[in-house]
Amino acid sequence: MRNFAFLAPLALVAALATPALAQTPQVTVTVGGDLTEEVETLGQRDVDRQLERLQSVVERRLARDGALQGATVNLVLTDLKPNRPTWQQAADKPGLSIMDSISIGGATVEGEIVTADGQRLPVRYSNYSTSIAEVHGYTTWQDAEHTYDRLARNLVSGRLVSR
């Protein structure tokens, strides 16, 4: 008999938690714009990882801050510049060093948000280093990562269209 008494509160908790899960924004990320022609040069694996990374950063930030509940966030990665050569670039040009070669990097993201009430809001955000002196990271996608984080912060704060 105790087992049933214990399960009833769990069922109530699960029932109450289900609507909250349905409220979580759905985030999709695709490739578009000029990036579609750069995928082969950058390497499919690297581009796929950046799509996943952008989606992950935005999903986590929106969920953490409870922003855009019930919305659909459709993002398109339209430009992507690495700070260091990708594996594909290094393979195509043996003189490039993954460790020593650095570049101005960043990304451009466009798309739209469809709010829970059906309103469509455009999204456009880009962020790039303007000089080699601004490149502070040691990873291939350092500036792109900053772009994803700043985009997510802007979505949470309601600044949807920027730069």
N, C-alpha and C. Protein backbone atom coordinates (compact mmCIF):
# COMPACT_ATOMS: atom_id res chain seq x y z
N MET A 1 0.81 -1.18 0.00
CA MET A 1 0.00 0.00 0.00
C MET A 1 0.87 1.25 0.00
N ARG A 2 1.97 1.23 0.70
CA ARG A 2 2.85 2.39 0.74
C ARG A 2 3.39 2.74 -0.64
N ASN A 3 3.68 1.75 -1.43
CA ASN A 3 4.21 2.00 -2.76
C ASN A 3 3.26 2.85 -3.58
N PHE A 4 1.96 2.58 -3.50
CA PHE A 4 0.99 3.35 -4.25
C PHE A 4 0.91 4.78 -3.74
N ALA A 5 0.99 4.95 -2.45
CA ALA A 5 0.95 6.30 -1.87
C ALA A 5 2.17 7.10 -2.31
N PHE A 6 3.30 6.45 -2.47
CA PHE A 6 4.52 7.11 -2.92
C PHE A 6 4.43 7.47 -4.40
N LEU A 7 3.84 6.60 -5.21
CA LEU A 7 3.74 6.83 -6.65
C LEU A 7 2.77 7.95 -7.00
N ALA A 8 1.72 8.15 -6.24
CA ALA A 8 0.74 9.19 -6.54
C ALA A 8 1.38 10.58 -6.56
N PRO A 9 2.19 10.96 -5.56
CA PRO A 9 2.84 12.27 -5.64
C PRO A 9 3.81 12.36 -6.82
N LEU A 10 4.48 11.27 -7.16
CA LEU A 10 5.38 11.30 -8.32
C LEU A 10 4.61 11.53 -9.60
N ALA A 11 3.46 10.91 -9.73
CA ALA A 11 2.63 11.11 -10.92
C ALA A 11 2.17 12.56 -11.01
N LEU A 12 1.84 13.16 -9.88
CA LEU A 12 1.43 14.56 -9.87
C LEU A 12 2.57 15.47 -10.29
N VAL A 13 3.77 15.21 -9.79
CA VAL A 13 4.94 15.98 -10.16
C VAL A 13 5.20 15.85 -11.66
N ALA A 14 5.12 14.65 -12.19
CA ALA A 14 5.35 14.42 -13.62
C ALA A 14 4.30 15.15 -14.45
N ALA A 15 3.06 15.13 -14.02
CA ALA A 15 2.00 15.81 -14.76
C ALA A 15 2.21 17.32 -14.76
N LEU A 16 2.65 17.87 -13.65
CA LEU A 16 2.90 19.30 -13.57
C LEU A 16 4.13 19.70 -14.36
N ALA A 17 5.12 18.83 -14.44
CA ALA A 17 6.36 19.15 -15.14
C ALA A 17 6.17 19.09 -16.65
N THR A 18 5.25 18.30 -17.16
CA THR A 18 5.07 18.14 -18.60
C THR A 18 4.74 19.45 -19.30
N PRO A 19 3.81 20.28 -18.82
CA PRO A 19 3.55 21.54 -19.51
C PRO A 19 4.79 22.44 -19.55
N ALA A 20 5.60 22.41 -18.51
CA ALA A 20 6.80 23.24 -18.50
C ALA A 20 7.76 22.81 -19.60
N LEU A 21 7.86 21.50 -19.82
CA LEU A 21 8.72 21.02 -20.88
C LEU A 21 8.19 21.44 -22.25
N ALA A 22 6.89 21.47 -22.40
CA ALA A 22 6.30 21.86 -23.68
C ALA A 22 6.56 23.34 -23.97
N GLN A 23 6.83 24.12 -22.95
CA GLN A 23 7.07 25.55 -23.10
C GLN A 23 8.48 25.86 -23.59
N THR A 24 9.41 24.92 -23.45
CA THR A 24 10.79 25.17 -23.83
C THR A 24 10.87 25.53 -25.31
N PRO A 25 11.60 26.60 -25.64
CA PRO A 25 11.71 26.99 -27.06
C PRO A 25 12.37 25.90 -27.89
N GLN A 26 11.87 25.74 -29.09
CA GLN A 26 12.47 24.79 -30.03
C GLN A 26 13.44 25.56 -30.89
N VAL A 27 14.69 25.12 -30.95
CA VAL A 27 15.74 25.81 -31.70
C VAL A 27 16.22 24.91 -32.84
N THR A 28 16.18 25.45 -34.05
CA THR A 28 16.74 24.74 -35.20
C THR A 28 17.82 25.62 -35.83
N VAL A 29 18.86 24.98 -36.33
CA VAL A 29 19.96 25.72 -36.96
C VAL A 29 20.29 25.03 -38.27
N THR A 30 20.38 25.82 -39.34
CA THR A 30 20.74 25.30 -40.65
C THR A 30 21.84 26.16 -41.26
N VAL A 31 22.38 25.69 -42.37
CA VAL A 31 23.39 26.44 -43.12
C VAL A 31 22.68 27.19 -44.23
N GLY A 32 23.12 28.43 -44.49
CA GLY A 32 22.54 29.20 -45.58
C GLY A 32 23.51 30.26 -46.05
N GLY A 33 23.04 31.09 -46.97
CA GLY A 33 23.83 32.20 -47.46
C GLY A 33 25.14 31.75 -48.08
N ASP A 34 26.16 32.59 -47.93
CA ASP A 34 27.48 32.31 -48.49
C ASP A 34 28.13 31.07 -47.89
N LEU A 35 27.73 30.71 -46.69
CA LEU A 35 28.35 29.55 -46.03
C LEU A 35 28.10 28.25 -46.79
N THR A 36 26.99 28.16 -47.50
CA THR A 36 26.70 26.93 -48.24
C THR A 36 27.81 26.61 -49.24
N GLU A 37 28.45 27.65 -49.76
CA GLU A 37 29.52 27.44 -50.73
C GLU A 37 30.89 27.26 -50.07
N GLU A 38 30.98 27.52 -48.77
CA GLU A 38 32.24 27.40 -48.04
C GLU A 38 32.36 26.10 -47.26
N VAL A 39 31.31 25.33 -47.20
CA VAL A 39 31.31 24.10 -46.39
C VAL A 39 32.45 23.18 -46.79
N GLU A 40 32.63 22.97 -48.07
CA GLU A 40 33.69 22.07 -48.54
C GLU A 40 35.07 22.59 -48.16
N THR A 41 35.27 23.90 -48.24
CA THR A 41 36.56 24.50 -47.91
C THR A 41 36.85 24.40 -46.41
N LEU A 42 35.84 24.65 -45.59
CA LEU A 42 36.01 24.59 -44.14
C LEU A 42 36.02 23.16 -43.62
N GLY A 43 35.30 22.30 -44.31
CA GLY A 43 35.18 20.91 -43.88
C GLY A 43 33.80 20.66 -43.29
N GLN A 44 33.13 19.65 -43.82
CA GLN A 44 31.77 19.33 -43.38
C GLN A 44 31.72 19.06 -41.88
N ARG A 45 32.70 18.35 -41.37
CA ARG A 45 32.71 18.01 -39.94
C ARG A 45 32.74 19.26 -39.08
N ASP A 46 33.61 20.21 -39.43
CA ASP A 46 33.70 21.44 -38.64
C ASP A 46 32.41 22.26 -38.71
N VAL A 47 31.84 22.35 -39.89
CA VAL A 47 30.59 23.12 -40.04
C VAL A 47 29.47 22.45 -39.26
N ASP A 48 29.37 21.14 -39.36
CA ASP A 48 28.33 20.43 -38.59
C ASP A 48 28.49 20.65 -37.09
N ARG A 49 29.72 20.63 -36.63
CA ARG A 49 29.96 20.88 -35.20
C ARG A 49 29.58 22.30 -34.80
N GLN A 50 29.79 23.25 -35.69
CA GLN A 50 29.41 24.63 -35.38
C GLN A 50 27.90 24.80 -35.37
N LEU A 51 27.20 24.10 -36.24
CA LEU A 51 25.74 24.12 -36.21
C LEU A 51 25.23 23.58 -34.88
N GLU A 52 25.80 22.45 -34.46
CA GLU A 52 25.42 21.85 -33.18
C GLU A 52 25.77 22.77 -32.01
N ARG A 53 26.91 23.40 -32.10
CA ARG A 53 27.35 24.28 -31.01
C ARG A 53 26.44 25.49 -30.88
N LEU A 54 26.10 26.12 -32.00
CA LEU A 54 25.19 27.27 -31.98
C LEU A 54 23.85 26.86 -31.39
N GLN A 55 23.31 25.74 -31.82
CA GLN A 55 22.03 25.27 -31.29
C GLN A 55 22.12 25.03 -29.80
N SER A 56 23.18 24.38 -29.36
CA SER A 56 23.36 24.07 -27.95
C SER A 56 23.47 25.33 -27.09
N VAL A 57 24.27 26.28 -27.53
CA VAL A 57 24.46 27.53 -26.76
C VAL A 57 23.14 28.27 -26.62
N VAL A 58 22.41 28.40 -27.71
CA VAL A 58 21.14 29.14 -27.68
C VAL A 58 20.11 28.39 -26.83
N GLU A 59 19.98 27.08 -27.02
CA GLU A 59 19.02 26.30 -26.24
C GLU A 59 19.28 26.42 -24.74
N ARG A 60 20.53 26.24 -24.36
CA ARG A 60 20.87 26.30 -22.93
C ARG A 60 20.58 27.66 -22.34
N ARG A 61 20.95 28.71 -23.04
CA ARG A 61 20.75 30.06 -22.51
C ARG A 61 19.26 30.39 -22.39
N LEU A 62 18.48 30.04 -23.40
CA LEU A 62 17.04 30.31 -23.34
C LEU A 62 16.38 29.51 -22.22
N ALA A 63 16.78 28.25 -22.07
CA ALA A 63 16.21 27.41 -21.01
C ALA A 63 16.62 27.93 -19.64
N ARG A 64 17.88 28.29 -19.49
CA ARG A 64 18.39 28.77 -18.21
C ARG A 64 17.66 30.03 -17.75
N ASP A 65 17.42 30.92 -18.69
CA ASP A 65 16.80 32.20 -18.34
C ASP A 65 15.28 32.21 -18.54
N GLY A 66 14.72 31.09 -19.00
CA GLY A 66 13.27 31.01 -19.18
C GLY A 66 12.74 31.95 -20.25
N ALA A 67 13.54 32.24 -21.25
CA ALA A 67 13.15 33.19 -22.29
C ALA A 67 12.48 32.49 -23.46
N LEU A 68 11.61 33.23 -24.13
CA LEU A 68 10.94 32.80 -25.35
C LEU A 68 10.19 31.48 -25.18
N GLN A 69 9.51 31.36 -24.06
CA GLN A 69 8.75 30.15 -23.76
C GLN A 69 7.73 29.87 -24.86
N GLY A 70 7.72 28.65 -25.35
CA GLY A 70 6.77 28.23 -26.37
C GLY A 70 7.10 28.70 -27.78
N ALA A 71 8.22 29.36 -27.96
CA ALA A 71 8.59 29.89 -29.28
C ALA A 71 9.36 28.86 -30.09
N THR A 72 9.43 29.11 -31.38
CA THR A 72 10.29 28.36 -32.28
C THR A 72 11.35 29.32 -32.78
N VAL A 73 12.60 28.96 -32.59
CA VAL A 73 13.72 29.80 -32.99
C VAL A 73 14.41 29.12 -34.17
N ASN A 74 14.26 29.72 -35.35
CA ASN A 74 14.85 29.17 -36.57
C ASN A 74 16.06 30.01 -36.94
N LEU A 75 17.25 29.46 -36.79
CA LEU A 75 18.47 30.20 -37.06
C LEU A 75 19.17 29.62 -38.29
N VAL A 76 19.81 30.52 -39.05
CA VAL A 76 20.56 30.13 -40.23
C VAL A 76 21.96 30.70 -40.08
N LEU A 77 22.94 29.83 -40.06
CA LEU A 77 24.34 30.25 -40.00
C LEU A 77 24.74 30.58 -41.43
N THR A 78 24.92 31.89 -41.71
CA THR A 78 25.15 32.32 -43.09
C THR A 78 26.62 32.62 -43.39
N ASP A 79 27.43 32.81 -42.36
CA ASP A 79 28.86 33.03 -42.58
C ASP A 79 29.60 32.53 -41.35
N LEU A 80 30.78 32.00 -41.58
CA LEU A 80 31.56 31.40 -40.50
C LEU A 80 33.03 31.51 -40.87
N LYS A 81 33.79 32.19 -40.01
CA LYS A 81 35.22 32.38 -40.24
C LYS A 81 35.99 31.85 -39.04
N PRO A 82 36.89 30.90 -39.24
CA PRO A 82 37.67 30.37 -38.12
C PRO A 82 38.85 31.28 -37.76
N ASN A 83 39.28 31.21 -36.51
CA ASN A 83 40.47 31.94 -36.07
C ASN A 83 41.75 31.20 -36.41
N ARG A 84 41.63 29.91 -36.59
CA ARG A 84 42.77 29.08 -36.96
C ARG A 84 42.29 28.16 -38.08
N PRO A 85 43.20 27.65 -38.87
CA PRO A 85 42.77 26.76 -39.96
C PRO A 85 42.03 25.53 -39.43
N THR A 86 41.00 25.14 -40.16
CA THR A 86 40.31 23.89 -39.83
C THR A 86 41.17 22.73 -40.33
N TRP A 87 40.80 21.52 -39.93
CA TRP A 87 41.55 20.35 -40.39
C TRP A 87 41.51 20.26 -41.91
N GLN A 88 40.35 20.58 -42.49
CA GLN A 88 40.21 20.51 -43.94
C GLN A 88 41.10 21.54 -44.63
N GLN A 89 41.12 22.76 -44.10
CA GLN A 89 41.97 23.80 -44.68
C GLN A 89 43.45 23.42 -44.57
N ALA A 90 43.84 22.87 -43.45
CA ALA A 90 45.24 22.46 -43.27
C ALA A 90 45.60 21.32 -44.21
N ALA A 91 44.66 20.41 -44.45
CA ALA A 91 44.93 19.31 -45.38
C ALA A 91 45.03 19.82 -46.81
N ASP A 92 44.21 20.82 -47.15
CA ASP A 92 44.22 21.36 -48.52
C ASP A 92 45.43 22.25 -48.78
N LYS A 93 45.95 22.89 -47.73
CA LYS A 93 47.11 23.79 -47.87
C LYS A 93 48.13 23.42 -46.79
N PRO A 94 49.03 22.52 -47.10
CA PRO A 94 49.97 22.01 -46.10
C PRO A 94 50.81 23.08 -45.41
N GLY A 95 50.98 24.26 -45.96
CA GLY A 95 51.77 25.31 -45.32
C GLY A 95 51.08 25.95 -44.13
N LEU A 96 49.77 25.74 -44.01
CA LEU A 96 49.04 26.30 -42.87
C LEU A 96 49.32 25.48 -41.62
N SER A 97 49.49 26.16 -40.52
CA SER A 97 49.70 25.48 -39.25
C SER A 97 48.48 25.69 -38.37
N ILE A 98 47.91 24.59 -37.91
CA ILE A 98 46.74 24.69 -37.03
C ILE A 98 47.11 25.39 -35.73
N MET A 99 48.35 25.28 -35.32
CA MET A 99 48.78 25.89 -34.06
C MET A 99 49.27 27.33 -34.24
N ASP A 100 49.96 27.62 -35.33
CA ASP A 100 50.62 28.92 -35.47
C ASP A 100 49.87 29.93 -36.33
N SER A 101 49.04 29.49 -37.25
CA SER A 101 48.33 30.40 -38.13
C SER A 101 47.08 30.92 -37.42
N ILE A 102 46.94 32.25 -37.39
CA ILE A 102 45.73 32.83 -36.80
C ILE A 102 45.11 33.79 -37.79
N SER A 103 43.82 34.04 -37.60
CA SER A 103 43.07 34.87 -38.52
C SER A 103 41.94 35.57 -37.78
N ILE A 104 41.39 36.54 -38.44
CA ILE A 104 40.20 37.22 -37.92
C ILE A 104 39.02 36.27 -38.13
N GLY A 105 38.29 36.00 -37.08
CA GLY A 105 37.18 35.06 -37.17
C GLY A 105 35.87 35.66 -36.73
N GLY A 106 34.83 34.86 -36.80
CA GLY A 106 33.50 35.29 -36.37
C GLY A 106 32.41 34.55 -37.12
N ALA A 107 31.20 35.05 -37.01
CA ALA A 107 30.06 34.40 -37.64
C ALA A 107 28.92 35.39 -37.83
N THR A 108 28.04 35.04 -38.76
CA THR A 108 26.79 35.77 -38.98
C THR A 108 25.65 34.77 -38.88
N VAL A 109 24.64 35.15 -38.11
CA VAL A 109 23.47 34.30 -37.90
C VAL A 109 22.23 35.13 -38.25
N GLU A 110 21.36 34.54 -39.05
CA GLU A 110 20.09 35.18 -39.40
C GLU A 110 18.97 34.22 -39.07
N GLY A 111 17.75 34.65 -39.22
CA GLY A 111 16.63 33.76 -39.01
C GLY A 111 15.42 34.49 -38.49
N GLU A 112 14.58 33.73 -37.79
CA GLU A 112 13.39 34.33 -37.21
C GLU A 112 12.95 33.54 -35.99
N ILE A 113 12.20 34.25 -35.17
CA ILE A 113 11.57 33.64 -34.01
C ILE A 113 10.08 33.69 -34.25
N VAL A 114 9.43 32.56 -34.06
CA VAL A 114 7.98 32.52 -34.10
C VAL A 114 7.55 32.36 -32.65
N THR A 115 6.97 33.41 -32.09
CA THR A 115 6.58 33.40 -30.68
C THR A 115 5.40 32.46 -30.46
N ALA A 116 5.11 32.17 -29.21
CA ALA A 116 4.02 31.28 -28.86
C ALA A 116 2.68 31.79 -29.40
N ASP A 117 2.55 33.11 -29.53
CA ASP A 117 1.29 33.67 -30.05
C ASP A 117 1.32 33.87 -31.58
N GLY A 118 2.36 33.36 -32.25
CA GLY A 118 2.42 33.40 -33.71
C GLY A 118 3.12 34.60 -34.32
N GLN A 119 3.58 35.50 -33.50
CA GLN A 119 4.29 36.68 -34.02
C GLN A 119 5.65 36.26 -34.58
N ARG A 120 6.03 36.83 -35.73
CA ARG A 120 7.31 36.51 -36.36
C ARG A 120 8.27 37.68 -36.17
N LEU A 121 9.43 37.36 -35.58
CA LEU A 121 10.43 38.38 -35.30
C LEU A 121 11.73 38.04 -36.02
N PRO A 122 12.26 38.96 -36.82
CA PRO A 122 13.51 38.67 -37.54
C PRO A 122 14.70 38.67 -36.59
N VAL A 123 15.70 37.89 -36.94
CA VAL A 123 16.95 37.81 -36.17
C VAL A 123 18.11 37.99 -37.13
N ARG A 124 19.02 38.86 -36.77
CA ARG A 124 20.28 38.97 -37.52
C ARG A 124 21.34 39.45 -36.54
N TYR A 125 22.41 38.69 -36.46
CA TYR A 125 23.51 39.07 -35.58
C TYR A 125 24.81 38.60 -36.21
N SER A 126 25.80 39.48 -36.19
CA SER A 126 27.13 39.09 -36.65
C SER A 126 28.16 39.72 -35.74
N ASN A 127 29.27 39.03 -35.62
CA ASN A 127 30.35 39.51 -34.79
C ASN A 127 31.65 38.93 -35.33
N TYR A 128 32.61 39.82 -35.62
CA TYR A 128 33.91 39.42 -36.14
C TYR A 128 34.98 40.25 -35.45
N SER A 129 36.14 39.68 -35.31
CA SER A 129 37.29 40.47 -34.87
C SER A 129 37.58 41.47 -35.98
N THR A 130 38.08 42.63 -35.61
CA THR A 130 38.42 43.62 -36.63
C THR A 130 39.91 43.66 -36.92
N SER A 131 40.70 43.03 -36.05
CA SER A 131 42.14 42.96 -36.29
C SER A 131 42.70 41.72 -35.58
N ILE A 132 43.86 41.31 -36.00
CA ILE A 132 44.52 40.16 -35.37
C ILE A 132 44.76 40.43 -33.88
N ALA A 133 44.98 41.68 -33.52
CA ALA A 133 45.22 42.03 -32.12
C ALA A 133 44.03 41.68 -31.23
N GLU A 134 42.83 41.62 -31.80
CA GLU A 134 41.63 41.28 -31.03
C GLU A 134 41.45 39.79 -30.82
N VAL A 135 42.21 38.98 -31.52
CA VAL A 135 42.06 37.53 -31.41
C VAL A 135 42.77 37.08 -30.14
N HIS A 136 41.98 36.76 -29.11
CA HIS A 136 42.55 36.41 -27.81
C HIS A 136 42.52 34.91 -27.53
N GLY A 137 41.75 34.16 -28.28
CA GLY A 137 41.59 32.75 -27.98
C GLY A 137 42.58 31.87 -28.71
N TYR A 138 42.58 30.63 -28.32
CA TYR A 138 43.50 29.68 -28.89
C TYR A 138 42.78 28.59 -29.68
N THR A 139 41.48 28.69 -29.80
CA THR A 139 40.76 27.64 -30.50
C THR A 139 40.41 28.08 -31.92
N THR A 140 40.07 27.12 -32.73
CA THR A 140 39.74 27.37 -34.12
C THR A 140 38.52 28.28 -34.24
N TRP A 141 37.56 28.11 -33.37
CA TRP A 141 36.29 28.81 -33.49
C TRP A 141 36.05 29.80 -32.35
N GLN A 142 37.09 30.39 -31.81
CA GLN A 142 36.97 31.30 -30.66
C GLN A 142 35.98 32.45 -30.92
N ASP A 143 36.16 33.18 -32.02
CA ASP A 143 35.27 34.31 -32.30
C ASP A 143 33.86 33.86 -32.64
N ALA A 144 33.71 32.72 -33.30
CA ALA A 144 32.38 32.19 -33.58
C ALA A 144 31.66 31.87 -32.27
N GLU A 145 32.38 31.30 -31.32
CA GLU A 145 31.81 31.00 -30.00
C GLU A 145 31.31 32.28 -29.31
N HIS A 146 32.10 33.34 -29.41
CA HIS A 146 31.67 34.63 -28.83
C HIS A 146 30.40 35.11 -29.50
N THR A 147 30.30 34.92 -30.81
CA THR A 147 29.10 35.32 -31.54
C THR A 147 27.89 34.55 -31.04
N TYR A 148 28.01 33.24 -30.86
CA TYR A 148 26.88 32.43 -30.40
C TYR A 148 26.43 32.88 -29.02
N ASP A 149 27.39 33.11 -28.14
CA ASP A 149 27.06 33.52 -26.78
C ASP A 149 26.37 34.89 -26.77
N ARG A 150 26.89 35.82 -27.53
CA ARG A 150 26.29 37.16 -27.57
C ARG A 150 24.91 37.13 -28.20
N LEU A 151 24.73 36.32 -29.24
CA LEU A 151 23.41 36.17 -29.85
C LEU A 151 22.43 35.64 -28.81
N ALA A 152 22.82 34.61 -28.09
CA ALA A 152 21.94 34.02 -27.08
C ALA A 152 21.58 35.05 -26.01
N ARG A 153 22.55 35.83 -25.57
CA ARG A 153 22.27 36.87 -24.57
C ARG A 153 21.30 37.91 -25.14
N ASN A 154 21.47 38.28 -26.40
CA ASN A 154 20.56 39.24 -27.02
C ASN A 154 19.15 38.68 -27.14
N LEU A 155 19.02 37.40 -27.46
CA LEU A 155 17.69 36.79 -27.55
C LEU A 155 17.00 36.82 -26.20
N VAL A 156 17.74 36.51 -25.16
CA VAL A 156 17.18 36.51 -23.80
C VAL A 156 16.74 37.90 -23.40
N SER A 157 17.52 38.92 -23.75
CA SER A 157 17.20 40.28 -23.32
C SER A 157 16.23 40.99 -24.26
N GLY A 158 15.86 40.34 -25.36
CA GLY A 158 14.90 40.95 -26.27
C GLY A 158 15.52 41.78 -27.37
N ARG A 159 16.85 41.85 -27.42
CA ARG A 159 17.52 42.57 -28.51
C ARG A 159 17.74 41.56 -29.63
N LEU A 160 16.76 41.46 -30.50
CA LEU A 160 16.78 40.40 -31.51
C LEU A 160 17.60 40.77 -32.74
N VAL A 161 17.54 42.00 -33.14
CA VAL A 161 18.26 42.42 -34.34
C VAL A 161 19.40 43.32 -33.88
N SER A 162 20.61 42.96 -34.25
CA SER A 162 21.77 43.71 -33.79
C SER A 162 22.86 43.65 -34.82
N ARG A 163 23.69 44.68 -34.83
CA ARG A 163 24.86 44.81 -35.69
C ARG A 163 24.54 44.50 -37.12
